[in-house]
């Protein structure tokens, strides 16, 4: 599902103007990005958490040059779904 499909579905279900839904979703994503960029996690009860994970320093390999490369410690954004969300997906999705 794409962002455009999400906007379209919300517009149809709630009868809200498409541009208003688009702006709301964009602002929601901006708030999450801004919070993570400033070092704060975002917790959405019943849905999940957008968290910052710290990756430790490690040694990687450049295979083409056969050299070791030091990858410094860094932070990455991650999503951790809530137990309610995980259980709903487990019980309803079959591949």
N, C-alpha and C. Protein backbone atom coordinates (compact mmCIF):
# COMPACT_ATOMS: atom_id res chain seq x y z
N UNK A 1 0.85 -1.17 0.00
CA UNK A 1 0.00 0.00 0.00
C UNK A 1 0.90 1.24 0.00
N UNK A 2 0.56 2.20 -0.82
CA UNK A 2 1.33 3.43 -0.92
C UNK A 2 0.66 4.54 -0.10
N UNK A 3 1.40 5.64 0.07
CA UNK A 3 0.84 6.78 0.80
C UNK A 3 -0.40 7.31 0.09
N UNK A 4 -0.38 7.35 -1.23
CA UNK A 4 -1.53 7.82 -2.00
C UNK A 4 -2.75 6.94 -1.77
N UNK A 5 -2.54 5.62 -1.66
CA UNK A 5 -3.65 4.71 -1.40
C UNK A 5 -4.21 4.91 0.02
N UNK A 6 -3.32 5.17 0.96
CA UNK A 6 -3.77 5.44 2.33
C UNK A 6 -4.63 6.70 2.36
N UNK A 7 -4.16 7.75 1.69
CA UNK A 7 -4.91 9.01 1.62
C UNK A 7 -6.27 8.77 0.99
N UNK A 8 -6.29 8.03 -0.09
CA UNK A 8 -7.54 7.74 -0.80
C UNK A 8 -8.51 6.96 0.09
N UNK A 9 -8.02 5.95 0.80
CA UNK A 9 -8.88 5.15 1.69
C UNK A 9 -9.46 5.99 2.82
N UNK A 10 -8.64 6.82 3.44
CA UNK A 10 -9.13 7.66 4.54
C UNK A 10 -10.15 8.66 4.02
N UNK A 11 -9.89 9.22 2.84
CA UNK A 11 -10.82 10.17 2.23
C UNK A 11 -12.19 9.52 2.00
N UNK A 12 -12.20 8.31 1.47
CA UNK A 12 -13.45 7.60 1.20
C UNK A 12 -14.17 7.23 2.49
N UNK A 13 -13.43 6.76 3.51
CA UNK A 13 -14.06 6.29 4.74
C UNK A 13 -14.61 7.42 5.60
N UNK A 14 -13.92 8.57 5.63
CA UNK A 14 -14.32 9.65 6.53
C UNK A 14 -15.00 10.82 5.83
N UNK A 15 -14.91 10.87 4.50
CA UNK A 15 -15.51 11.96 3.76
C UNK A 15 -14.79 13.29 3.94
N UNK A 16 -13.52 13.23 4.32
CA UNK A 16 -12.71 14.44 4.49
C UNK A 16 -12.04 14.75 3.16
N UNK A 17 -11.81 16.04 2.90
CA UNK A 17 -11.17 16.47 1.67
C UNK A 17 -9.79 15.82 1.52
N UNK A 18 -9.49 15.38 0.30
CA UNK A 18 -8.25 14.66 0.04
C UNK A 18 -7.01 15.47 0.39
N UNK A 19 -7.03 16.76 0.10
CA UNK A 19 -5.86 17.60 0.40
C UNK A 19 -5.64 17.73 1.91
N UNK A 20 -6.72 17.78 2.69
CA UNK A 20 -6.60 17.85 4.14
C UNK A 20 -5.98 16.57 4.71
N UNK A 21 -6.41 15.43 4.18
CA UNK A 21 -5.85 14.14 4.63
C UNK A 21 -4.38 14.06 4.26
N UNK A 22 -4.03 14.50 3.04
CA UNK A 22 -2.64 14.48 2.58
C UNK A 22 -1.77 15.33 3.50
N UNK A 23 -2.22 16.53 3.83
CA UNK A 23 -1.46 17.43 4.71
C UNK A 23 -1.31 16.82 6.10
N UNK A 24 -2.36 16.21 6.61
CA UNK A 24 -2.32 15.60 7.94
C UNK A 24 -1.31 14.46 7.99
N UNK A 25 -1.32 13.60 6.99
CA UNK A 25 -0.37 12.48 6.96
C UNK A 25 1.06 12.98 6.83
N UNK A 26 1.28 13.98 5.98
CA UNK A 26 2.62 14.56 5.82
C UNK A 26 3.11 15.15 7.14
N UNK A 27 2.26 15.89 7.84
CA UNK A 27 2.63 16.49 9.12
C UNK A 27 2.90 15.41 10.18
N UNK A 28 2.12 14.34 10.17
CA UNK A 28 2.33 13.23 11.09
C UNK A 28 3.72 12.63 10.88
N UNK A 29 4.07 12.38 9.64
CA UNK A 29 5.38 11.81 9.33
C UNK A 29 6.49 12.79 9.68
N UNK A 30 6.29 14.08 9.42
CA UNK A 30 7.28 15.10 9.78
C UNK A 30 7.52 15.13 11.28
N UNK A 31 6.45 15.00 12.07
CA UNK A 31 6.58 15.01 13.53
C UNK A 31 7.38 13.80 14.01
N UNK A 32 7.12 12.63 13.44
CA UNK A 32 7.86 11.43 13.82
C UNK A 32 9.34 11.60 13.45
N UNK A 33 9.60 12.05 12.23
CA UNK A 33 11.00 12.26 11.80
C UNK A 33 11.70 13.28 12.69
N UNK A 34 11.03 14.38 12.97
CA UNK A 34 11.61 15.43 13.79
C UNK A 34 11.92 14.94 15.20
N UNK A 35 11.02 14.17 15.76
CA UNK A 35 11.22 13.63 17.10
C UNK A 35 12.42 12.69 17.13
N UNK A 36 12.52 11.80 16.15
CA UNK A 36 13.65 10.88 16.10
C UNK A 36 14.97 11.62 15.85
N UNK A 37 14.93 12.63 14.98
CA UNK A 37 16.14 13.41 14.70
C UNK A 37 16.63 14.15 15.94
N UNK A 38 15.73 14.52 16.84
CA UNK A 38 16.13 15.22 18.06
C UNK A 38 16.44 14.23 19.19
N UNK A 39 16.39 12.94 18.92
CA UNK A 39 16.79 11.93 19.90
C UNK A 39 15.67 11.39 20.75
N UNK A 40 14.42 11.69 20.41
CA UNK A 40 13.27 11.21 21.20
C UNK A 40 12.55 10.08 20.46
N UNK A 41 12.18 9.04 21.20
CA UNK A 41 11.38 7.96 20.63
C UNK A 41 9.91 8.37 20.58
N UNK A 42 9.14 7.72 19.70
CA UNK A 42 7.71 7.99 19.57
C UNK A 42 6.95 6.71 19.90
N UNK A 43 6.03 6.78 20.88
CA UNK A 43 5.26 5.63 21.32
C UNK A 43 3.80 5.82 20.97
N UNK A 44 3.24 4.90 20.18
CA UNK A 44 1.83 4.93 19.80
C UNK A 44 1.17 3.68 20.38
N UNK A 45 0.47 3.86 21.48
CA UNK A 45 -0.14 2.73 22.20
C UNK A 45 -1.06 1.92 21.28
N UNK A 46 -0.88 0.61 21.29
CA UNK A 46 -1.69 -0.29 20.47
C UNK A 46 -1.21 -0.43 19.04
N UNK A 47 -0.21 0.37 18.65
CA UNK A 47 0.33 0.30 17.30
C UNK A 47 1.80 -0.10 17.32
N UNK A 48 2.63 0.69 18.00
CA UNK A 48 4.05 0.38 18.09
C UNK A 48 4.86 1.60 18.44
N UNK A 49 6.17 1.43 18.38
CA UNK A 49 7.10 2.49 18.75
C UNK A 49 8.10 2.73 17.63
N UNK A 50 8.34 4.00 17.35
CA UNK A 50 9.42 4.39 16.47
C UNK A 50 10.58 4.73 17.38
N UNK A 51 11.65 3.95 17.31
CA UNK A 51 12.75 4.10 18.25
C UNK A 51 14.07 4.31 17.52
N UNK A 52 15.06 4.77 18.29
CA UNK A 52 16.40 4.95 17.76
C UNK A 52 17.24 3.79 18.29
N UNK A 53 17.87 3.05 17.38
CA UNK A 53 18.74 1.95 17.76
C UNK A 53 20.18 2.36 17.53
N UNK A 54 21.03 1.99 18.46
CA UNK A 54 22.45 2.29 18.33
C UNK A 54 23.17 1.06 17.77
N UNK A 55 23.87 1.24 16.68
CA UNK A 55 24.67 0.16 16.09
C UNK A 55 26.11 0.32 16.57
N UNK A 56 26.69 -0.73 17.06
CA UNK A 56 28.06 -0.69 17.57
C UNK A 56 29.07 -0.57 16.45
N UNK A 57 30.25 -0.10 16.80
CA UNK A 57 31.36 -0.02 15.84
C UNK A 57 31.73 -1.44 15.42
N UNK A 58 32.01 -1.64 14.14
CA UNK A 58 32.38 -2.97 13.68
C UNK A 58 33.33 -2.87 12.50
N UNK A 59 33.91 -3.99 12.18
CA UNK A 59 34.83 -4.06 11.04
C UNK A 59 34.09 -4.72 9.89
N UNK A 60 34.09 -4.04 8.75
CA UNK A 60 33.49 -4.58 7.54
C UNK A 60 34.59 -4.92 6.54
N UNK A 61 34.23 -5.48 5.42
CA UNK A 61 35.21 -5.84 4.41
C UNK A 61 34.80 -5.27 3.07
N UNK A 62 35.78 -4.70 2.37
CA UNK A 62 35.60 -4.30 0.99
C UNK A 62 36.10 -5.47 0.16
N UNK A 63 35.19 -6.26 -0.37
CA UNK A 63 35.55 -7.50 -1.04
C UNK A 63 36.38 -7.26 -2.30
N UNK A 64 36.04 -6.21 -3.06
CA UNK A 64 36.75 -5.97 -4.32
C UNK A 64 38.21 -5.60 -4.10
N UNK A 65 38.52 -4.89 -3.00
CA UNK A 65 39.91 -4.48 -2.71
C UNK A 65 40.55 -5.36 -1.64
N UNK A 66 39.76 -6.26 -1.06
CA UNK A 66 40.21 -7.15 0.00
C UNK A 66 40.85 -6.37 1.16
N UNK A 67 40.13 -5.34 1.61
CA UNK A 67 40.61 -4.53 2.73
C UNK A 67 39.55 -4.46 3.82
N UNK A 68 40.03 -4.22 5.04
CA UNK A 68 39.11 -4.06 6.17
C UNK A 68 38.70 -2.60 6.27
N UNK A 69 37.44 -2.37 6.58
CA UNK A 69 36.91 -1.03 6.72
C UNK A 69 36.26 -0.93 8.10
N UNK A 70 36.60 0.12 8.83
CA UNK A 70 35.99 0.33 10.14
C UNK A 70 34.69 1.10 9.94
N UNK A 71 33.58 0.52 10.42
CA UNK A 71 32.28 1.17 10.36
C UNK A 71 32.02 1.74 11.75
N UNK A 72 31.97 3.06 11.88
CA UNK A 72 31.82 3.65 13.22
C UNK A 72 30.44 3.38 13.81
N UNK A 73 30.33 3.55 15.14
CA UNK A 73 29.04 3.37 15.78
C UNK A 73 28.10 4.46 15.26
N UNK A 74 26.83 4.10 15.06
CA UNK A 74 25.86 5.04 14.52
C UNK A 74 24.45 4.68 14.97
N UNK A 75 23.55 5.62 14.83
CA UNK A 75 22.15 5.43 15.22
C UNK A 75 21.30 5.26 13.97
N UNK A 76 20.29 4.39 14.08
CA UNK A 76 19.36 4.19 12.98
C UNK A 76 17.93 4.20 13.52
N UNK A 77 16.97 4.66 12.71
CA UNK A 77 15.57 4.58 13.14
C UNK A 77 15.05 3.16 12.96
N UNK A 78 14.14 2.76 13.83
CA UNK A 78 13.55 1.43 13.75
C UNK A 78 12.10 1.50 14.22
N UNK A 79 11.31 0.52 13.81
CA UNK A 79 9.92 0.42 14.25
C UNK A 79 9.75 -0.89 15.00
N UNK A 80 9.17 -0.82 16.18
CA UNK A 80 8.89 -2.01 16.97
C UNK A 80 7.38 -2.08 17.17
N UNK A 81 6.71 -3.05 16.52
CA UNK A 81 5.25 -3.14 16.65
C UNK A 81 4.84 -3.58 18.05
N UNK A 82 3.65 -3.15 18.47
CA UNK A 82 3.12 -3.55 19.78
C UNK A 82 2.69 -5.01 19.73
N UNK A 83 2.54 -5.61 20.90
CA UNK A 83 2.12 -7.01 20.96
C UNK A 83 0.73 -7.20 20.35
N UNK A 84 -0.16 -6.22 20.57
CA UNK A 84 -1.51 -6.29 20.01
C UNK A 84 -1.44 -6.31 18.49
N UNK A 85 -0.59 -5.47 17.92
CA UNK A 85 -0.41 -5.38 16.47
C UNK A 85 0.17 -6.69 15.92
N UNK A 86 1.20 -7.20 16.58
CA UNK A 86 1.84 -8.45 16.15
C UNK A 86 0.84 -9.60 16.18
N UNK A 87 0.10 -9.71 17.26
CA UNK A 87 -0.86 -10.81 17.38
C UNK A 87 -1.98 -10.70 16.34
N UNK A 88 -2.41 -9.48 16.02
CA UNK A 88 -3.45 -9.30 15.00
C UNK A 88 -2.94 -9.76 13.64
N UNK A 89 -1.71 -9.42 13.32
CA UNK A 89 -1.15 -9.83 12.03
C UNK A 89 -0.95 -11.34 11.99
N UNK A 90 -0.44 -11.90 13.08
CA UNK A 90 -0.22 -13.35 13.13
C UNK A 90 -1.53 -14.14 12.92
N UNK A 91 -2.61 -13.65 13.51
CA UNK A 91 -3.86 -14.39 13.45
C UNK A 91 -4.63 -14.19 12.14
N UNK A 92 -4.35 -13.11 11.41
CA UNK A 92 -5.16 -12.81 10.22
C UNK A 92 -4.44 -12.97 8.89
N UNK A 93 -3.12 -12.93 8.88
CA UNK A 93 -2.38 -12.97 7.62
C UNK A 93 -1.88 -14.38 7.36
N UNK A 94 -2.21 -14.88 6.16
CA UNK A 94 -1.68 -16.15 5.71
C UNK A 94 -1.07 -15.92 4.34
N UNK A 95 0.15 -16.40 4.17
CA UNK A 95 0.85 -16.19 2.89
C UNK A 95 0.86 -17.44 2.05
